[in-house]
Amino acid sequence: MQLEQIYQATLDKWGEEAQYDQAVEECAELIAALKHYRRGKIDKQAVIAELADVSLMLGQLSWMFGPEKVAAAKEMKLAKLGSLLSTP
């Protein structure tokens, strides 16, 4: 199954609202994992697993909101970051 088909299947099965909630939950789990990692309570692999979950949700949200729109917003943010980095 292609990525877009998987994204659509999740929407068909659980709906948009549930996917928004899932994205929030996955981000919260990543936040907790990073805090635990900094304290030495978990290893890098646990953080990587949470990063994978968040990455999948970001992909789905990007697809839901429009990949072109998200890509354009990212380009603007990268340009701003580049500008901030080049100023003394």
N, C-alpha and C. Protein backbone atom coordinates (compact mmCIF):
# COMPACT_ATOMS: atom_id res chain seq x y z
N MET A 1 0.85 -1.18 0.00
CA MET A 1 0.00 0.00 0.00
C MET A 1 0.89 1.24 0.00
N GLN A 2 0.56 2.20 -0.84
CA GLN A 2 1.31 3.45 -0.89
C GLN A 2 0.97 4.32 0.30
N LEU A 3 1.87 5.26 0.60
CA LEU A 3 1.70 6.14 1.75
C LEU A 3 0.37 6.88 1.73
N GLU A 4 0.02 7.45 0.59
CA GLU A 4 -1.23 8.20 0.49
C GLU A 4 -2.44 7.30 0.75
N GLN A 5 -2.34 6.04 0.31
CA GLN A 5 -3.43 5.10 0.56
C GLN A 5 -3.54 4.78 2.06
N ILE A 6 -2.40 4.67 2.72
CA ILE A 6 -2.41 4.43 4.16
C ILE A 6 -3.02 5.63 4.88
N TYR A 7 -2.60 6.84 4.48
CA TYR A 7 -3.16 8.05 5.11
C TYR A 7 -4.67 8.09 4.92
N GLN A 8 -5.14 7.81 3.72
CA GLN A 8 -6.58 7.84 3.46
C GLN A 8 -7.29 6.76 4.25
N ALA A 9 -6.69 5.58 4.34
CA ALA A 9 -7.31 4.49 5.10
C ALA A 9 -7.46 4.85 6.57
N THR A 10 -6.47 5.55 7.13
CA THR A 10 -6.59 5.95 8.53
C THR A 10 -7.72 6.95 8.72
N LEU A 11 -7.86 7.87 7.76
CA LEU A 11 -8.97 8.82 7.84
C LEU A 11 -10.31 8.11 7.70
N ASP A 12 -10.37 7.17 6.78
CA ASP A 12 -11.61 6.42 6.58
C ASP A 12 -11.99 5.63 7.83
N LYS A 13 -10.99 5.07 8.50
CA LYS A 13 -11.26 4.23 9.66
C LYS A 13 -11.54 5.04 10.92
N TRP A 14 -10.71 6.08 11.18
CA TRP A 14 -10.82 6.79 12.46
C TRP A 14 -11.32 8.23 12.35
N GLY A 15 -11.21 8.84 11.18
CA GLY A 15 -11.67 10.22 11.00
C GLY A 15 -10.60 11.26 11.32
N GLU A 16 -10.83 12.48 10.84
CA GLU A 16 -9.87 13.57 11.00
C GLU A 16 -9.63 13.93 12.46
N GLU A 17 -10.69 14.10 13.22
CA GLU A 17 -10.55 14.52 14.62
C GLU A 17 -9.67 13.54 15.40
N ALA A 18 -9.87 12.25 15.19
CA ALA A 18 -9.06 11.24 15.88
C ALA A 18 -7.60 11.34 15.45
N GLN A 19 -7.35 11.68 14.21
CA GLN A 19 -5.97 11.79 13.75
C GLN A 19 -5.30 13.03 14.33
N TYR A 20 -6.06 14.11 14.50
CA TYR A 20 -5.51 15.29 15.17
C TYR A 20 -5.13 14.92 16.60
N ASP A 21 -6.03 14.23 17.28
CA ASP A 21 -5.75 13.81 18.66
C ASP A 21 -4.54 12.87 18.72
N GLN A 22 -4.44 11.98 17.75
CA GLN A 22 -3.31 11.04 17.71
C GLN A 22 -2.00 11.80 17.52
N ALA A 23 -2.01 12.81 16.68
CA ALA A 23 -0.80 13.61 16.46
C ALA A 23 -0.38 14.30 17.76
N VAL A 24 -1.34 14.84 18.47
CA VAL A 24 -1.05 15.49 19.76
C VAL A 24 -0.45 14.48 20.73
N GLU A 25 -1.04 13.30 20.79
CA GLU A 25 -0.56 12.26 21.70
C GLU A 25 0.87 11.84 21.35
N GLU A 26 1.14 11.66 20.06
CA GLU A 26 2.48 11.25 19.65
C GLU A 26 3.51 12.34 19.96
N CYS A 27 3.14 13.60 19.77
CA CYS A 27 4.06 14.70 20.11
C CYS A 27 4.33 14.73 21.61
N ALA A 28 3.30 14.50 22.40
CA ALA A 28 3.46 14.47 23.86
C ALA A 28 4.40 13.33 24.27
N GLU A 29 4.26 12.19 23.63
CA GLU A 29 5.12 11.05 23.94
C GLU A 29 6.58 11.36 23.57
N LEU A 30 6.79 12.08 22.46
CA LEU A 30 8.14 12.48 22.10
C LEU A 30 8.71 13.46 23.11
N ILE A 31 7.90 14.40 23.54
CA ILE A 31 8.35 15.35 24.56
C ILE A 31 8.79 14.60 25.82
N ALA A 32 7.96 13.68 26.27
CA ALA A 32 8.29 12.90 27.47
C ALA A 32 9.56 12.09 27.25
N ALA A 33 9.69 11.48 26.08
CA ALA A 33 10.88 10.68 25.79
C ALA A 33 12.15 11.53 25.81
N LEU A 34 12.07 12.73 25.26
CA LEU A 34 13.25 13.61 25.26
C LEU A 34 13.63 14.01 26.68
N LYS A 35 12.64 14.28 27.50
CA LYS A 35 12.92 14.62 28.90
C LYS A 35 13.57 13.43 29.62
N HIS A 36 13.05 12.23 29.39
CA HIS A 36 13.61 11.04 30.02
C HIS A 36 15.02 10.76 29.50
N TYR A 37 15.23 10.98 28.21
CA TYR A 37 16.56 10.76 27.62
C TYR A 37 17.59 11.70 28.26
N ARG A 38 17.22 12.95 28.41
CA ARG A 38 18.14 13.92 29.03
C ARG A 38 18.51 13.51 30.45
N ARG A 39 17.61 12.83 31.13
CA ARG A 39 17.87 12.39 32.51
C ARG A 39 18.51 11.00 32.56
N GLY A 40 18.76 10.40 31.39
CA GLY A 40 19.39 9.09 31.35
C GLY A 40 18.47 7.93 31.70
N LYS A 41 17.16 8.15 31.62
CA LYS A 41 16.20 7.10 31.98
C LYS A 41 15.86 6.18 30.82
N ILE A 42 16.07 6.64 29.59
CA ILE A 42 15.83 5.82 28.41
C ILE A 42 16.99 5.99 27.44
N ASP A 43 17.09 5.08 26.48
CA ASP A 43 18.19 5.16 25.51
C ASP A 43 17.74 5.85 24.21
N LYS A 44 18.69 6.02 23.31
CA LYS A 44 18.40 6.70 22.04
C LYS A 44 17.33 5.97 21.24
N GLN A 45 17.33 4.65 21.30
CA GLN A 45 16.38 3.88 20.51
C GLN A 45 14.93 4.22 20.89
N ALA A 46 14.69 4.48 22.15
CA ALA A 46 13.34 4.85 22.59
C ALA A 46 12.94 6.21 22.00
N VAL A 47 13.89 7.12 21.95
CA VAL A 47 13.62 8.44 21.35
C VAL A 47 13.38 8.26 19.85
N ILE A 48 14.19 7.43 19.21
CA ILE A 48 14.04 7.20 17.77
C ILE A 48 12.66 6.62 17.46
N ALA A 49 12.18 5.71 18.29
CA ALA A 49 10.85 5.14 18.08
C ALA A 49 9.77 6.22 18.16
N GLU A 50 9.91 7.12 19.13
CA GLU A 50 8.93 8.21 19.25
C GLU A 50 9.05 9.19 18.08
N LEU A 51 10.28 9.43 17.64
CA LEU A 51 10.49 10.29 16.45
C LEU A 51 9.80 9.69 15.23
N ALA A 52 9.88 8.37 15.09
CA ALA A 52 9.23 7.70 13.95
C ALA A 52 7.72 7.90 14.02
N ASP A 53 7.15 7.74 15.22
CA ASP A 53 5.71 7.94 15.37
C ASP A 53 5.31 9.36 14.99
N VAL A 54 6.06 10.34 15.48
CA VAL A 54 5.75 11.75 15.18
C VAL A 54 5.95 12.02 13.69
N SER A 55 7.00 11.47 13.12
CA SER A 55 7.25 11.66 11.69
C SER A 55 6.09 11.14 10.85
N LEU A 56 5.57 9.98 11.20
CA LEU A 56 4.41 9.43 10.48
C LEU A 56 3.19 10.34 10.61
N MET A 57 2.96 10.84 11.81
CA MET A 57 1.82 11.74 12.01
C MET A 57 2.01 13.05 11.28
N LEU A 58 3.25 13.57 11.26
CA LEU A 58 3.51 14.80 10.50
C LEU A 58 3.25 14.58 9.01
N GLY A 59 3.64 13.42 8.53
CA GLY A 59 3.37 13.10 7.13
C GLY A 59 1.89 13.08 6.84
N GLN A 60 1.14 12.47 7.75
CA GLN A 60 -0.30 12.41 7.54
C GLN A 60 -0.93 13.80 7.63
N LEU A 61 -0.53 14.58 8.63
CA LEU A 61 -1.08 15.94 8.75
C LEU A 61 -0.73 16.78 7.54
N SER A 62 0.50 16.66 7.06
CA SER A 62 0.92 17.40 5.86
C SER A 62 0.05 17.01 4.68
N TRP A 63 -0.21 15.72 4.55
CA TRP A 63 -1.07 15.24 3.47
C TRP A 63 -2.48 15.78 3.63
N MET A 64 -2.98 15.80 4.86
CA MET A 64 -4.34 16.28 5.12
C MET A 64 -4.49 17.77 4.83
N PHE A 65 -3.49 18.56 5.19
CA PHE A 65 -3.58 20.02 5.02
C PHE A 65 -3.08 20.49 3.65
N GLY A 66 -2.39 19.63 2.94
CA GLY A 66 -1.89 19.98 1.61
C GLY A 66 -0.37 20.03 1.58
N PRO A 67 0.26 19.02 0.98
CA PRO A 67 1.72 18.96 0.96
C PRO A 67 2.38 20.19 0.35
N GLU A 68 1.75 20.76 -0.68
CA GLU A 68 2.33 21.95 -1.31
C GLU A 68 2.34 23.14 -0.35
N LYS A 69 1.25 23.30 0.38
CA LYS A 69 1.15 24.40 1.34
C LYS A 69 2.17 24.23 2.46
N VAL A 70 2.32 23.00 2.94
CA VAL A 70 3.29 22.74 4.00
C VAL A 70 4.71 22.96 3.49
N ALA A 71 5.00 22.50 2.28
CA ALA A 71 6.33 22.70 1.69
C ALA A 71 6.64 24.19 1.54
N ALA A 72 5.67 24.97 1.12
CA ALA A 72 5.87 26.41 0.96
C ALA A 72 6.14 27.07 2.32
N ALA A 73 5.40 26.67 3.32
CA ALA A 73 5.60 27.22 4.67
C ALA A 73 6.98 26.84 5.20
N LYS A 74 7.42 25.61 4.94
CA LYS A 74 8.74 25.17 5.37
C LYS A 74 9.84 25.99 4.69
N GLU A 75 9.66 26.26 3.42
CA GLU A 75 10.65 27.07 2.69
C GLU A 75 10.76 28.47 3.30
N MET A 76 9.63 29.06 3.64
CA MET A 76 9.64 30.38 4.26
C MET A 76 10.34 30.33 5.62
N LYS A 77 10.06 29.28 6.40
CA LYS A 77 10.69 29.14 7.72
C LYS A 77 12.20 28.91 7.58
N LEU A 78 12.61 28.12 6.59
CA LEU A 78 14.03 27.88 6.37
C LEU A 78 14.74 29.15 5.94
N ALA A 79 14.10 29.95 5.10
CA ALA A 79 14.68 31.23 4.68
C ALA A 79 14.86 32.14 5.88
N LYS A 80 13.87 32.19 6.75
CA LYS A 80 13.96 33.02 7.95
C LYS A 80 15.09 32.52 8.85
N LEU A 81 15.18 31.22 9.02
CA LEU A 81 16.25 30.65 9.84
C LEU A 81 17.61 30.96 9.25
N GLY A 82 17.74 30.83 7.93
CA GLY A 82 18.99 31.16 7.26
C GLY A 82 19.37 32.60 7.49
N SER A 83 18.38 33.49 7.45
CA SER A 83 18.61 34.90 7.68
C SER A 83 19.08 35.15 9.11
N LEU A 84 18.45 34.49 10.07
CA LEU A 84 18.85 34.64 11.47
C LEU A 84 20.26 34.12 11.72
N LEU A 85 20.63 33.06 11.05
CA LEU A 85 21.96 32.48 11.23
C LEU A 85 23.06 33.31 10.59
N SER A 86 22.72 34.08 9.56
CA SER A 86 23.74 34.84 8.86
C SER A 86 23.94 36.24 9.46
N THR A 87 23.08 36.61 10.39
CA THR A 87 23.24 37.92 11.03
C THR A 87 24.07 37.75 12.32
N PRO A 88 25.05 38.64 12.47
CA PRO A 88 25.88 38.54 13.68
C PRO A 88 25.18 38.90 14.97
